[in-house]
Amino acid sequence: MKKMQQIKKIQKCIEEIPGAVPLFSRIPGVVKELVDACNRHQCFDHIGSAPIPTHEAVVDIIHRARRILFPGYFSQASLSPANLEYYLGQETTQLFEDLAGQITLAVQHECFQTQKSCTHCQDQGLEKAMAVIEALPAISRMLALDIKAALDGDPAARGDDEVIFSYPGLLAISVYRFAHELFKQDIPVIPRIMTEYAHSLTGIDIHPGAEIGREFFIDHGTGVVIGETTVIGDRVRIYQGVTLGALSLPRDAGRRMRNTKRHPTIEDDVIIYANSTILGGDTVIGARSVIGGNIWITESVPPDTRVILKKPELIYSDKGRKG
């Protein structure tokens, strides 16, 4: 009986499918409107012969870079001292080729967009890619110090394996440090794709243009924002929800203030607790200062200063107890 009911239900569904046919006939009208909007320059598109990097290829570059910077952690290969040099040589060569190709596309795209005369895009792609490859040992050393900062600063960290595999802060920082090298080479688009990819995975938004010193640790991390012109010293520790941002900007700020310092400077050995907001390009948090949670700061703080909110007045009530 139950089986017969199921068969009837399936037959009924099949009979209803033809009813969708008239709806499909309305789709061409929608498509025509979309095409007309693009022809009138009322939409954003990338149609034509101008080259452009691909998001998927840039994400693959990030994964390959992490396999090089953390050998043995994110690869299928079983590594030993005997094959490490071969493995790194193969991965680094492929990274260079992939990176050079995407950088060339990014430079060509900017050339087409701004109608520059020939800037030898392929030569630039190769040279800039090699500059990034040559920075890999320095990035590796910086990341080793970032892992040390996590182990020193978080009692919950049970070893470097745990930090490398599972800490969102280290993932965001490692992608930032790689993307920052591309940013320093004035490579368009790609560095921001990289850090926004990490942002989508971790909830941590670090602009590739920020300058961040050694032994940087982000604990928990969700909701952290670090703006483009932020400068962070050594051994700085920040917690979830911290914003290092810009003050309210005028409407034309995108063009007029592009090359000005808009974000704060955080000096060495500063700790910033959860959900604090520090704004403004002239704002400097002095060395060894501690900024408590839920603080709003738009003015500089001298070194060795502790900034906390006054203890709030708490109200306790006995829920359900009758007088």
Protein backbone atom coordinates (compact mmCIF):
# COMPACT_ATOMS: atom_id res chain seq x y z
CA MET A 1 0.00 0.00 0.00
CA LYS A 2 2.78 2.40 0.97
CA LYS A 3 4.71 1.56 -2.20
CA MET A 4 1.66 2.31 -4.36
CA GLN A 5 1.28 5.73 -2.68
CA GLN A 6 4.92 6.54 -3.47
CA ILE A 7 4.46 5.54 -7.14
CA LYS A 8 1.37 7.77 -7.43
CA LYS A 9 3.27 10.68 -5.86
CA ILE A 10 6.14 10.29 -8.38
CA GLN A 11 3.65 10.12 -11.29
CA LYS A 12 1.97 13.29 -10.08
CA CYS A 13 5.35 15.10 -9.94
CA ILE A 14 6.16 13.95 -13.50
CA GLU A 15 2.79 15.23 -14.73
CA GLU A 16 3.48 18.66 -13.17
CA ILE A 17 6.88 19.13 -14.90
CA PRO A 18 5.40 20.31 -18.28
CA GLY A 19 3.88 23.23 -16.38
CA ALA A 20 7.36 24.74 -16.09
CA VAL A 21 7.82 24.98 -19.87
CA PRO A 22 5.98 28.33 -20.24
CA LEU A 23 8.21 29.77 -17.50
CA PHE A 24 11.39 28.88 -19.42
CA SER A 25 10.10 30.93 -22.34
CA ARG A 26 10.37 34.08 -20.20
CA ILE A 27 14.14 33.66 -19.63
CA PRO A 28 15.26 35.04 -23.07
CA GLY A 29 13.59 38.37 -22.22
CA VAL A 30 15.58 38.60 -18.99
CA VAL A 31 18.82 37.72 -20.83
CA LYS A 32 18.15 40.45 -23.43
CA GLU A 33 17.73 43.03 -20.66
CA LEU A 34 21.02 41.96 -19.09
CA VAL A 35 22.85 42.20 -22.44
CA ASP A 36 21.31 45.62 -23.18
CA ALA A 37 22.43 46.89 -19.74
CA CYS A 38 26.02 45.81 -20.48
CA ASN A 39 25.91 47.40 -23.94
CA ARG A 40 24.81 50.66 -22.30
CA HIS A 41 27.69 50.35 -19.75
CA GLN A 42 25.21 49.98 -16.90
CA CYS A 43 26.80 46.81 -15.58
CA PHE A 44 30.27 45.64 -14.64
CA ASP A 45 31.63 42.96 -16.96
CA HIS A 46 34.87 41.69 -18.37
CA ILE A 47 34.12 40.90 -22.00
CA GLY A 48 36.64 41.14 -24.80
CA SER A 49 40.31 40.39 -25.43
CA ALA A 50 41.82 42.17 -22.39
CA PRO A 51 43.57 39.58 -20.19
CA ILE A 52 42.83 39.16 -16.50
CA PRO A 53 44.12 36.89 -13.71
CA THR A 54 41.87 34.02 -12.66
CA HIS A 55 40.69 33.65 -9.09
CA GLU A 56 41.10 29.87 -9.14
CA ALA A 57 44.73 30.11 -10.32
CA VAL A 58 45.57 32.65 -7.59
CA VAL A 59 44.04 30.37 -4.93
CA ASP A 60 46.15 27.46 -6.29
CA ILE A 61 49.23 29.69 -5.93
CA ILE A 62 48.36 30.29 -2.25
CA HIS A 63 48.10 26.55 -1.60
CA ARG A 64 51.40 25.85 -3.36
CA ALA A 65 53.14 28.64 -1.43
CA ARG A 66 51.88 27.14 1.86
CA ARG A 67 53.20 23.71 0.84
CA ILE A 68 56.61 25.31 0.35
CA LEU A 69 56.56 27.41 3.51
CA PHE A 70 55.31 24.49 5.66
CA PRO A 71 56.86 21.44 3.96
CA GLY A 72 55.10 18.21 4.80
CA TYR A 73 52.00 19.79 6.35
CA PHE A 74 49.73 20.46 3.37
CA SER A 75 50.98 17.98 0.76
CA GLN A 76 50.18 14.35 -0.05
CA ALA A 77 53.86 13.52 -0.48
CA SER A 78 55.77 11.82 2.31
CA LEU A 79 58.88 13.93 2.90
CA SER A 80 62.25 12.99 4.35
CA PRO A 81 65.68 14.67 4.44
CA ALA A 82 66.56 12.57 1.37
CA ASN A 83 63.83 13.98 -0.90
CA LEU A 84 63.19 17.42 0.65
CA GLU A 85 65.45 19.32 -1.75
CA TYR A 86 63.89 17.62 -4.79
CA TYR A 87 60.35 18.29 -3.49
CA LEU A 88 61.01 21.96 -2.72
CA GLY A 89 62.80 22.43 -6.04
CA GLN A 90 59.85 21.02 -7.97
CA GLU A 91 57.23 23.00 -6.00
CA THR A 92 59.20 26.27 -6.13
CA THR A 93 59.81 25.98 -9.89
CA GLN A 94 56.09 25.41 -10.49
CA LEU A 95 55.22 28.30 -8.17
CA PHE A 96 57.51 30.59 -10.16
CA GLU A 97 55.89 29.59 -13.45
CA ASP A 98 52.33 29.94 -12.13
CA LEU A 99 53.06 33.23 -10.40
CA ALA A 100 54.82 34.71 -13.45
CA GLY A 101 51.82 33.82 -15.63
CA GLN A 102 49.27 35.42 -13.33
CA ILE A 103 51.40 38.52 -12.70
CA THR A 104 51.81 38.96 -16.47
CA LEU A 105 48.02 38.84 -16.89
CA ALA A 106 47.55 41.37 -14.07
CA VAL A 107 50.10 43.79 -15.54
CA GLN A 108 48.62 43.39 -19.04
CA HIS A 109 45.13 44.02 -17.70
CA GLU A 110 46.21 47.24 -15.99
CA CYS A 111 47.96 48.27 -19.23
CA PHE A 112 44.76 47.76 -21.23
CA GLN A 113 42.61 49.51 -18.62
CA THR A 114 44.82 52.61 -18.37
CA GLN A 115 45.85 52.58 -22.05
CA LYS A 116 49.56 52.69 -21.23
CA SER A 117 52.22 52.26 -23.86
CA CYS A 118 53.98 48.88 -23.86
CA THR A 119 55.45 48.09 -20.44
CA HIS A 120 56.96 44.71 -21.42
CA CYS A 121 54.39 42.82 -19.38
CA GLN A 122 55.93 39.38 -19.74
CA ASP A 123 59.36 40.61 -18.62
CA GLN A 124 57.71 42.29 -15.64
CA GLY A 125 55.82 39.11 -14.82
CA LEU A 126 59.02 37.06 -14.77
CA GLU A 127 61.08 39.62 -12.83
CA LYS A 128 58.41 40.33 -10.21
CA ALA A 129 57.68 36.63 -9.76
CA MET A 130 61.38 35.93 -9.17
CA ALA A 131 61.55 38.76 -6.61
CA VAL A 132 58.71 37.06 -4.69
CA ILE A 133 60.37 33.63 -4.99
CA GLU A 134 63.62 35.06 -3.62
CA ALA A 135 61.69 36.43 -0.62
CA LEU A 136 60.40 32.95 0.37
CA PRO A 137 63.25 32.20 2.84
CA ALA A 138 62.64 35.51 4.64
CA ILE A 139 58.87 34.82 4.74
CA SER A 140 59.60 31.37 6.18
CA ARG A 141 61.73 32.89 8.94
CA MET A 142 59.01 35.44 9.78
CA LEU A 143 56.35 32.71 9.97
CA ALA A 144 58.55 30.67 12.31
CA LEU A 145 58.57 33.68 14.66
CA ASP A 146 54.78 34.05 14.30
CA ILE A 147 54.36 30.40 15.35
CA LYS A 148 56.64 31.04 18.32
CA ALA A 149 54.45 34.03 19.28
CA ALA A 150 51.36 31.81 19.19
CA LEU A 151 53.02 29.18 21.38
CA ASP A 152 54.27 31.84 23.82
CA GLY A 153 51.00 33.77 23.93
CA ASP A 154 48.34 31.05 24.05
CA PRO A 155 48.33 28.47 26.86
CA ALA A 156 45.79 26.46 24.83
CA ALA A 157 48.33 25.86 22.04
CA ARG A 158 49.60 22.30 22.43
CA GLY A 159 52.37 22.43 19.90
CA ASP A 160 53.46 23.83 16.56
CA ASP A 161 51.49 21.18 14.64
CA GLU A 162 48.25 22.40 16.16
CA VAL A 163 49.09 26.04 15.42
CA ILE A 164 50.03 25.35 11.79
CA PHE A 165 47.09 23.08 11.04
CA SER A 166 44.29 24.81 12.90
CA TYR A 167 44.94 28.41 13.96
CA PRO A 168 43.03 30.85 11.73
CA GLY A 169 45.34 33.65 12.84
CA LEU A 170 48.39 31.89 11.42
CA LEU A 171 46.56 31.09 8.17
CA ALA A 172 45.62 34.76 7.72
CA ILE A 173 49.12 35.95 8.65
CA SER A 174 50.88 33.47 6.35
CA VAL A 175 48.74 34.48 3.36
CA TYR A 176 49.26 38.16 4.27
CA ARG A 177 53.05 37.79 4.45
CA PHE A 178 53.15 36.17 1.00
CA ALA A 179 50.70 38.68 -0.51
CA HIS A 180 52.63 41.58 1.06
CA GLU A 181 55.67 40.66 -1.04
CA LEU A 182 53.54 40.94 -4.19
CA PHE A 183 52.11 44.23 -2.94
CA LYS A 184 55.65 45.61 -2.50
CA GLN A 185 56.31 44.71 -6.15
CA ASP A 186 53.33 46.90 -7.12
CA ILE A 187 51.49 43.94 -8.63
CA PRO A 188 47.83 44.79 -9.33
CA VAL A 189 44.80 42.82 -8.09
CA ILE A 190 46.52 39.57 -7.06
CA PRO A 191 47.64 40.51 -3.51
CA ARG A 192 44.10 41.60 -2.62
CA ILE A 193 42.59 38.41 -4.08
CA MET A 194 44.94 36.46 -1.80
CA THR A 195 44.16 38.26 1.45
CA GLU A 196 40.43 38.35 0.73
CA TYR A 197 40.53 34.60 0.15
CA ALA A 198 42.09 34.21 3.60
CA HIS A 199 39.46 36.64 4.95
CA SER A 200 36.68 34.43 3.58
CA LEU A 201 38.17 31.39 5.37
CA THR A 202 39.10 32.97 8.71
CA GLY A 203 37.03 36.13 9.23
CA ILE A 204 40.35 38.03 9.53
CA ASP A 205 40.73 40.94 7.11
CA ILE A 206 44.37 42.02 6.65
CA HIS A 207 45.10 44.37 3.75
CA PRO A 208 48.27 43.27 1.91
CA GLY A 209 49.64 46.80 2.15
CA ALA A 210 49.80 46.81 5.96
CA GLU A 211 53.28 46.65 7.50
CA ILE A 212 53.49 44.02 10.25
CA GLY A 213 56.58 43.24 12.30
CA ARG A 214 57.94 40.03 13.80
CA GLU A 215 56.22 37.64 16.24
CA PHE A 216 52.69 38.79 15.42
CA PHE A 217 49.88 36.85 17.08
CA ILE A 218 46.12 37.05 16.47
CA ASP A 219 44.21 35.05 19.08
CA HIS A 220 40.84 33.61 17.97
CA GLY A 221 40.70 36.21 15.22
CA THR A 222 37.12 36.44 13.96
CA GLY A 223 36.25 40.02 13.02
CA VAL A 224 39.81 41.42 13.05
CA VAL A 225 40.32 44.24 10.51
CA ILE A 226 43.75 45.68 9.67
CA GLY A 227 43.69 48.51 7.13
CA GLU A 228 46.06 49.20 4.26
CA THR A 229 48.30 51.84 5.88
CA THR A 230 48.44 50.23 9.33
CA VAL A 231 51.95 49.87 10.78
CA ILE A 232 52.44 47.20 13.46
CA GLY A 233 55.69 46.70 15.36
CA ASP A 234 57.24 43.56 16.82
CA ARG A 235 55.67 41.16 19.34
CA VAL A 236 52.16 42.67 19.05
CA ARG A 237 49.20 40.57 20.18
CA ILE A 238 45.58 41.27 19.23
CA TYR A 239 42.30 39.48 19.92
CA GLN A 240 39.05 38.89 18.05
CA GLY A 241 37.00 41.83 16.84
CA VAL A 242 39.86 44.35 16.88
CA THR A 243 39.67 47.04 14.18
CA LEU A 244 42.71 49.06 13.11
CA GLY A 245 40.88 51.33 10.72
CA ALA A 246 40.41 54.78 9.22
CA LEU A 247 38.32 57.65 10.48
CA SER A 248 35.17 58.56 8.54
CA LEU A 249 36.22 59.62 5.05
CA PRO A 250 34.62 61.97 2.51
CA ARG A 251 32.87 60.61 -0.57
CA ASP A 252 35.79 61.27 -2.92
CA ALA A 253 38.31 59.67 -0.51
CA GLY A 254 38.88 56.73 -2.88
CA ARG A 255 40.86 58.96 -5.23
CA ARG A 256 41.95 61.90 -3.07
CA MET A 257 43.30 59.98 -0.07
CA ARG A 258 44.61 56.86 -1.77
CA ASN A 259 48.27 57.48 -0.95
CA THR A 260 47.86 59.02 2.52
CA LYS A 261 48.24 57.27 5.88
CA ARG A 262 44.72 56.60 7.14
CA HIS A 263 45.26 53.80 9.66
CA PRO A 264 46.98 53.71 13.06
CA THR A 265 50.51 52.79 14.11
CA ILE A 266 50.91 50.12 16.81
CA GLU A 267 54.36 50.10 18.38
CA ASP A 268 56.30 47.12 19.80
CA ASP A 269 54.93 44.82 22.53
CA VAL A 270 51.38 46.20 22.50
CA ILE A 271 48.39 44.04 23.50
CA ILE A 272 44.91 44.93 22.19
CA TYR A 273 42.01 43.01 23.70
CA ALA A 274 38.76 41.94 22.06
CA ASN A 275 36.42 44.28 20.15
CA SER A 276 38.55 47.41 20.54
CA THR A 277 38.60 49.96 17.71
CA ILE A 278 41.61 52.17 16.96
CA LEU A 279 41.18 54.68 14.14
CA GLY A 280 43.14 57.32 12.25
CA GLY A 281 46.45 57.72 10.47
CA ASP A 282 47.86 60.04 13.15
CA THR A 283 46.93 57.66 16.00
CA VAL A 284 49.94 55.95 17.60
CA ILE A 285 49.66 53.34 20.35
CA GLY A 286 52.94 53.59 22.25
CA ALA A 287 55.18 50.63 22.96
CA ARG A 288 54.27 48.18 25.72
CA SER A 289 50.76 49.65 26.12
CA VAL A 290 47.73 47.51 26.89
CA ILE A 291 44.35 48.39 25.35
CA GLY A 292 41.45 46.73 27.15
CA GLY A 293 38.37 45.25 25.54
CA ASN A 294 35.61 47.32 23.90
CA ILE A 295 37.72 50.51 23.78
CA TRP A 296 37.26 53.23 21.13
CA ILE A 297 40.44 55.23 20.42
CA THR A 298 41.01 58.06 17.92
CA GLU A 299 43.96 59.76 19.67
CA SER A 300 47.51 58.64 20.39
CA VAL A 301 48.38 56.74 23.57
CA PRO A 302 51.82 57.20 25.22
CA PRO A 303 54.12 54.22 25.75
CA ASP A 304 53.58 52.02 28.83
CA THR A 305 49.92 53.05 29.15
CA ARG A 306 46.99 50.87 30.22
CA VAL A 307 43.63 51.89 28.73
CA ILE A 308 40.53 50.28 30.23
CA LEU A 309 36.87 51.13 30.65
CA LYS A 310 35.56 52.17 34.05
CA LYS A 311 33.98 49.20 35.80
CA PRO A 312 30.32 49.12 34.76
CA GLU A 313 27.48 49.05 37.27
CA LEU A 314 25.99 45.57 37.15
CA ILE A 315 22.42 44.85 38.22
CA TYR A 316 21.58 41.40 39.61
CA SER A 317 17.98 40.28 39.96
CA ASP A 318 16.52 37.04 41.35
CA LYS A 319 14.51 35.86 38.41
CA GLY A 320 11.30 34.17 39.47
CA ARG A 321 11.59 34.92 43.20
CA LYS A 322 8.47 36.60 44.61
CA GLY A 323 8.82 39.34 47.15
